[in-house]
Amino acid sequence: MIEIELVNVFTHLGAGGNPCPIVIDASHLAGEGMQAVARHFGHESGFVLPAAGPEFDYVFRFWVPRHEMEMCGHATIGALWVLATKGRLPGEQVRIETRSGPVTGYVDRAGSGEPSVEISQPAGKVVDLSRADEEDVLSALKLSRSDLLDLPIQNAVTSRVKTLIPMKGVRELNALVPAPAQIEACCGRIGSTGLYPYAIEQQGERRFEARQFPKSSGYPEDAATGIAAAALAFGLLRNGLVERNSARITIMQGRAMGALSEIGVRLGFAGDRPVGCLLGGSVTRAETHVLQP
C-alpha cells in the first residue's frame, strides 16, 4: 500500500499551482514503483527516503511519467510542506540530498500557522545561445525574432538547464501553442530540459510571467516550474531587468492553462556577487490517495 498526499504547489490566491503527488514514506519503493506513481497521476512526483548518513536529514527523489529527474523544485517544497504538517521535520532548517546535489529547506510556521517553505538553489549560470541555436528555438515555437525583446535567448541553469526566451509581452506569451515533438527535438539539440518563454509584467515591481514547455516529461506544459523560475531570476539579473538586490522576484505561470500560479525567488549576494537564491511559494493540500503496489 502506498499513501500519497496530493498537493498543489505555487498556488496564487489559493488556486492554480502545480499538482504534485508526494510519498513521504518511500523507502519500500524501487524506481519502478516511483515511476508507476508518476504515471498514475501524470505529474511530477516526489518521494522521501531516509538519509544514509548524518550529513543529511532526508533523501528526495523525483519522477515524471517518462523518467527520473535529478531535481524538482515544486516537489521539494511540497514534500517539506507535507512533512511539516505531519510533524516529521527535525527543525526549521532541513538538509536534503538530491541527485543534483544538496538542497537546504527553510520552513517557517510564523503567521497563520501554515508552513512557509523556501529551498536553496546554487548561483545560476547564464549563456547566450548561438545564432543557429536561436533560430532552432524560434522555429520550434513558430516565432520570428520580431516577436522578441531585443535581448538574447539564453540557456540558464541552477539545477537543470532551461532556455529563456524574452517575449515582447504577456499577450504574445500566452498566445503560444506548444508543439511537443518539435520542442523535444530542439531541447535535445541545444542541451536544454525545457523552453521557458517569459515576458515583463511590471518591471518596477519585479513581476514577470512565463510558460514552461518541458523537453520530455510526458505532458506539453507545466503550470508552475520552480527550477525554471530560479534560472530565470539569474537571467533577469544578467539582462539588467532586475536590480542587484534580494527583494522578491515574482514569476506568474500557468495562465494559458487556466491554472495561474505564483513563484517567488530571492537572489542572494556576497557583496555584488550572486551566490545563490531561495525559491518559494504557497502550498495547498488537495487529497490523500492510497494505491496498491
Protein backbone atom coordinates (compact mmCIF):
# COMPACT_ATOMS: atom_id res chain seq x y z
CA MET A 1 0.00 0.00 0.00
CA ILE A 2 1.33 3.43 -0.99
CA GLU A 3 -0.08 6.50 0.76
CA ILE A 4 0.16 9.58 -1.44
CA GLU A 5 -0.54 13.18 -0.49
CA LEU A 6 -1.64 15.24 -3.49
CA VAL A 7 -0.75 18.92 -3.04
CA ASN A 8 -0.76 21.99 -5.25
CA VAL A 9 2.47 23.98 -5.11
CA PHE A 10 2.99 27.65 -6.09
CA THR A 11 -0.70 28.47 -5.75
CA HIS A 12 -1.96 32.01 -6.37
CA LEU A 13 -4.70 33.28 -4.04
CA GLY A 14 -5.42 29.68 -3.06
CA ALA A 15 -5.90 28.42 -6.62
CA GLY A 16 -3.76 27.21 -9.51
CA GLY A 17 -0.35 25.79 -8.72
CA ASN A 18 1.32 22.64 -9.95
CA PRO A 19 -0.32 19.39 -8.75
CA CYS A 20 2.24 17.14 -7.11
CA PRO A 21 1.87 13.65 -5.60
CA ILE A 22 4.12 13.22 -2.53
CA VAL A 23 5.09 9.94 -0.85
CA ILE A 24 6.75 10.69 2.48
CA ASP A 25 7.49 7.04 3.32
CA ALA A 26 9.07 5.79 0.10
CA SER A 27 11.86 3.59 1.45
CA HIS A 28 9.96 0.46 0.31
CA LEU A 29 9.63 1.70 -3.29
CA ALA A 30 12.09 0.87 -6.06
CA GLY A 31 12.42 3.15 -9.05
CA GLU A 32 9.76 1.24 -10.97
CA GLY A 33 7.26 1.83 -8.18
CA MET A 34 8.03 5.55 -8.08
CA GLN A 35 7.62 5.81 -11.82
CA ALA A 36 4.30 3.97 -11.57
CA VAL A 37 3.03 6.65 -9.17
CA ALA A 38 4.10 9.41 -11.57
CA ARG A 39 2.40 7.60 -14.46
CA HIS A 40 -0.79 7.07 -12.47
CA PHE A 41 -1.17 10.77 -11.68
CA GLY A 42 0.53 12.18 -14.80
CA HIS A 43 2.50 14.72 -12.75
CA GLU A 44 5.99 15.26 -11.40
CA SER A 45 6.08 13.29 -8.15
CA GLY A 46 8.27 13.49 -5.05
CA PHE A 47 9.49 10.65 -2.83
CA VAL A 48 11.03 10.99 0.64
CA LEU A 49 13.57 8.44 1.85
CA PRO A 50 15.72 8.25 4.99
CA ALA A 51 19.21 9.69 4.75
CA ALA A 52 22.13 7.29 4.51
CA GLY A 53 24.36 9.31 6.86
CA PRO A 54 24.43 12.18 9.36
CA GLU A 55 25.16 14.92 6.81
CA PHE A 56 21.55 14.90 5.52
CA ASP A 57 18.11 14.66 7.09
CA TYR A 58 16.38 13.10 4.05
CA VAL A 59 16.94 11.87 0.51
CA PHE A 60 14.42 13.17 -2.04
CA ARG A 61 13.83 11.52 -5.43
CA PHE A 62 11.68 12.84 -8.27
CA TRP A 63 9.92 11.16 -11.19
CA VAL A 64 7.84 12.23 -14.16
CA PRO A 65 5.88 9.65 -16.18
CA ARG A 66 8.79 9.05 -18.58
CA HIS A 67 11.91 9.21 -16.40
CA GLU A 68 13.59 10.17 -13.12
CA MET A 69 14.69 13.77 -12.61
CA GLU A 70 17.72 14.99 -10.71
CA MET A 71 15.78 17.81 -9.02
CA CYS A 72 12.24 19.21 -8.88
CA GLY A 73 11.61 22.49 -7.08
CA HIS A 74 7.88 22.25 -6.51
CA ALA A 75 8.07 18.61 -5.39
CA THR A 76 10.79 19.54 -2.87
CA ILE A 77 8.67 22.39 -1.50
CA GLY A 78 5.58 20.18 -1.48
CA ALA A 79 7.36 17.35 0.34
CA LEU A 80 8.73 19.70 3.00
CA TRP A 81 5.25 21.20 3.45
CA VAL A 82 3.68 17.75 3.94
CA LEU A 83 6.44 16.69 6.35
CA ALA A 84 5.93 19.91 8.33
CA THR A 85 2.15 19.44 8.58
CA LYS A 86 2.71 15.91 9.87
CA GLY A 87 5.35 16.97 12.43
CA ARG A 88 8.07 14.99 10.68
CA LEU A 89 10.79 17.67 10.36
CA PRO A 90 13.86 17.82 12.63
CA GLY A 91 13.76 21.63 12.73
CA GLU A 92 13.23 24.77 10.70
CA GLN A 93 16.30 24.03 8.55
CA VAL A 94 16.36 20.73 6.67
CA ARG A 95 19.28 19.20 4.78
CA ILE A 96 18.19 17.27 1.68
CA GLU A 97 20.20 15.01 -0.61
CA THR A 98 19.08 15.08 -4.26
CA ARG A 99 20.67 13.71 -7.40
CA SER A 100 21.53 17.26 -8.49
CA GLY A 101 23.32 17.99 -5.20
CA PRO A 102 22.49 19.16 -1.67
CA VAL A 103 19.47 21.39 -1.07
CA THR A 104 18.58 23.21 2.14
CA GLY A 105 14.94 23.73 3.03
CA TYR A 106 13.75 26.53 5.31
CA VAL A 107 10.36 26.05 6.97
CA ASP A 108 8.64 28.82 8.93
CA ARG A 109 5.31 28.49 10.72
CA ALA A 110 5.00 32.19 11.62
CA GLY A 111 1.75 34.00 10.95
CA SER A 112 -1.17 31.73 10.04
CA GLY A 113 0.49 28.57 11.32
CA GLU A 114 0.59 27.10 7.81
CA PRO A 115 4.17 26.15 6.91
CA SER A 116 6.01 28.63 4.69
CA VAL A 117 8.72 26.85 2.69
CA GLU A 118 11.74 28.09 0.75
CA ILE A 119 14.53 25.98 -0.71
CA SER A 120 18.06 26.85 -1.72
CA GLN A 121 19.41 26.82 -5.24
CA PRO A 122 23.01 27.49 -6.29
CA ALA A 123 24.12 30.54 -8.22
CA GLY A 124 22.82 30.37 -11.76
CA LYS A 125 24.89 30.20 -14.92
CA VAL A 126 23.54 32.00 -17.98
CA VAL A 127 24.89 31.55 -21.54
CA ASP A 128 23.68 33.28 -24.71
CA LEU A 129 22.72 30.86 -27.47
CA SER A 130 24.43 30.94 -30.85
CA ARG A 131 22.55 32.39 -33.82
CA ALA A 132 21.90 28.88 -35.15
CA ASP A 133 20.51 27.69 -31.81
CA GLU A 134 18.35 30.81 -31.54
CA GLU A 135 16.86 30.00 -34.94
CA ASP A 136 16.23 26.45 -33.78
CA VAL A 137 14.27 27.72 -30.74
CA LEU A 138 12.30 30.23 -32.81
CA SER A 139 11.36 27.53 -35.29
CA ALA A 140 10.20 25.16 -32.54
CA LEU A 141 7.90 27.88 -31.13
CA LYS A 142 6.84 29.19 -34.57
CA LEU A 143 8.22 32.65 -33.78
CA SER A 144 10.32 35.25 -35.54
CA ARG A 145 12.95 37.50 -33.92
CA SER A 146 10.46 40.40 -34.18
CA ASP A 147 8.26 38.64 -31.62
CA LEU A 148 11.01 39.00 -29.01
CA LEU A 149 12.53 41.82 -26.99
CA ASP A 150 15.99 42.97 -28.03
CA LEU A 151 17.58 40.53 -25.61
CA PRO A 152 19.34 37.20 -26.21
CA ILE A 153 17.79 33.76 -25.98
CA GLN A 154 19.77 32.05 -23.22
CA ASN A 155 20.37 28.72 -21.56
CA ALA A 156 20.31 29.21 -17.78
CA VAL A 157 20.80 26.68 -15.00
CA THR A 158 20.69 26.33 -11.25
CA SER A 159 19.83 22.59 -11.12
CA ARG A 160 18.61 21.87 -14.68
CA VAL A 161 19.17 23.81 -17.91
CA LYS A 162 16.20 25.89 -19.08
CA THR A 163 16.05 28.04 -22.21
CA LEU A 164 14.91 31.64 -21.59
CA ILE A 165 13.04 33.32 -24.46
CA PRO A 166 12.26 37.07 -23.94
CA MET A 167 8.78 37.65 -25.41
CA LYS A 168 7.58 41.18 -26.24
CA GLY A 169 4.53 40.97 -24.00
CA VAL A 170 2.26 38.83 -21.84
CA ARG A 171 -0.38 38.61 -24.59
CA GLU A 172 2.15 37.23 -27.09
CA LEU A 173 3.47 34.84 -24.44
CA ASN A 174 0.06 33.35 -23.77
CA ALA A 175 -0.75 33.04 -27.47
CA LEU A 176 2.00 30.44 -27.94
CA VAL A 177 0.82 26.94 -28.85
CA PRO A 178 3.37 24.25 -27.87
CA ALA A 179 4.36 21.53 -30.34
CA PRO A 180 5.82 18.86 -28.06
CA ALA A 181 7.67 16.82 -30.70
CA GLN A 182 9.47 19.88 -32.10
CA ILE A 183 10.20 21.19 -28.60
CA GLU A 184 11.68 17.85 -27.50
CA ALA A 185 13.91 17.67 -30.57
CA CYS A 186 15.03 21.29 -30.19
CA CYS A 187 15.82 20.86 -26.49
CA GLY A 188 17.89 17.79 -27.30
CA ARG A 189 19.95 19.74 -29.83
CA ILE A 190 20.59 22.77 -27.60
CA GLY A 191 21.17 20.88 -24.32
CA SER A 192 18.04 22.08 -22.51
CA THR A 193 15.38 20.39 -20.40
CA GLY A 194 12.65 22.87 -21.34
CA LEU A 195 11.80 26.08 -23.16
CA TYR A 196 10.84 28.91 -20.79
CA PRO A 197 9.47 31.93 -22.68
CA TYR A 198 8.91 34.93 -20.40
CA ALA A 199 7.54 38.47 -20.51
CA ILE A 200 7.74 41.58 -18.33
CA GLU A 201 4.52 42.23 -16.40
CA GLN A 202 5.58 45.06 -14.03
CA GLN A 203 9.34 45.58 -14.10
CA GLY A 204 9.38 48.10 -11.24
CA GLU A 205 7.52 45.61 -9.05
CA ARG A 206 9.82 42.78 -10.22
CA ARG A 207 6.83 40.87 -11.65
CA PHE A 208 7.20 38.66 -14.71
CA GLU A 209 5.17 35.97 -16.44
CA ALA A 210 6.44 32.76 -18.02
CA ARG A 211 5.43 29.41 -19.51
CA GLN A 212 7.28 26.10 -19.36
CA PHE A 213 7.34 23.65 -22.26
CA PRO A 214 9.29 20.63 -20.95
CA LYS A 215 11.56 18.51 -23.10
CA SER A 216 10.20 15.03 -22.35
CA SER A 217 8.09 14.89 -19.22
CA GLY A 218 5.07 13.23 -20.80
CA TYR A 219 2.88 16.37 -20.94
CA PRO A 220 3.14 19.55 -23.07
CA GLU A 221 3.22 22.29 -20.39
CA ASP A 222 3.75 22.90 -16.67
CA ALA A 223 1.55 25.20 -14.60
CA ALA A 224 4.48 26.18 -12.35
CA THR A 225 8.17 25.32 -12.61
CA GLY A 226 10.35 26.37 -9.70
CA ILE A 227 13.72 25.34 -11.13
CA ALA A 228 12.97 27.26 -14.34
CA ALA A 229 11.89 30.31 -12.31
CA ALA A 230 15.16 30.20 -10.36
CA ALA A 231 17.12 30.03 -13.61
CA LEU A 232 15.05 32.91 -14.99
CA ALA A 233 15.87 35.08 -11.97
CA PHE A 234 19.57 34.87 -12.85
CA GLY A 235 18.74 35.60 -16.50
CA LEU A 236 16.78 38.69 -15.43
CA LEU A 237 19.78 39.81 -13.37
CA ARG A 238 22.17 39.18 -16.24
CA ASN A 239 19.95 41.17 -18.65
CA GLY A 240 19.51 44.13 -16.31
CA LEU A 241 15.77 43.54 -15.84
CA VAL A 242 16.04 43.39 -12.02
CA GLU A 243 18.27 45.40 -9.72
CA ARG A 244 21.08 43.69 -7.85
CA ASN A 245 19.34 43.10 -4.52
CA SER A 246 17.46 40.39 -2.62
CA ALA A 247 13.93 41.77 -2.98
CA ARG A 248 11.38 39.19 -4.06
CA ILE A 249 11.03 38.45 -7.78
CA THR A 250 7.53 37.21 -8.63
CA ILE A 251 7.02 34.93 -11.61
CA MET A 252 3.47 34.08 -12.69
CA GLN A 253 2.94 30.93 -14.73
CA GLY A 254 0.09 28.74 -15.95
CA ARG A 255 -2.35 31.42 -17.13
CA ALA A 256 -2.76 29.81 -20.57
CA MET A 257 -3.62 26.51 -18.84
CA GLY A 258 -6.28 28.09 -16.62
CA ALA A 259 -4.08 27.42 -13.57
CA LEU A 260 -2.46 30.76 -12.74
CA SER A 261 0.40 30.12 -10.33
CA GLU A 262 2.85 32.29 -8.39
CA ILE A 263 6.53 31.58 -7.77
CA GLY A 264 8.82 33.69 -5.58
CA VAL A 265 12.61 33.93 -5.94
CA ARG A 266 15.02 35.87 -3.72
CA LEU A 267 18.55 36.25 -5.02
CA GLY A 268 21.42 36.13 -2.54
CA PHE A 269 24.67 38.09 -2.80
CA ALA A 270 28.11 38.21 -1.23
CA GLY A 271 28.90 41.85 -1.86
CA ASP A 272 27.90 42.31 -5.50
CA ARG A 273 28.44 38.66 -6.41
CA PRO A 274 25.35 36.43 -6.70
CA VAL A 275 25.87 33.28 -4.63
CA GLY A 276 22.50 31.54 -4.90
CA CYS A 277 18.80 32.06 -4.37
CA LEU A 278 15.82 30.98 -2.32
CA LEU A 279 12.79 29.60 -4.14
CA GLY A 280 9.36 29.51 -2.50
CA GLY A 281 5.60 29.66 -2.85
CA SER A 282 2.29 28.70 -1.31
CA VAL A 283 1.05 25.11 -0.97
CA THR A 284 -2.47 23.73 -0.58
CA ARG A 285 -3.47 20.15 0.15
CA ALA A 286 -5.84 18.51 -2.35
CA GLU A 287 -6.47 14.98 -1.09
CA THR A 288 -4.91 11.73 0.14
CA HIS A 289 -4.76 8.67 -2.12
CA VAL A 290 -3.89 5.06 -1.40
CA LEU A 291 -2.52 2.89 -4.22
CA GLN A 292 -1.78 -0.82 -4.21
CA PRO A 293 1.81 -1.50 -5.38
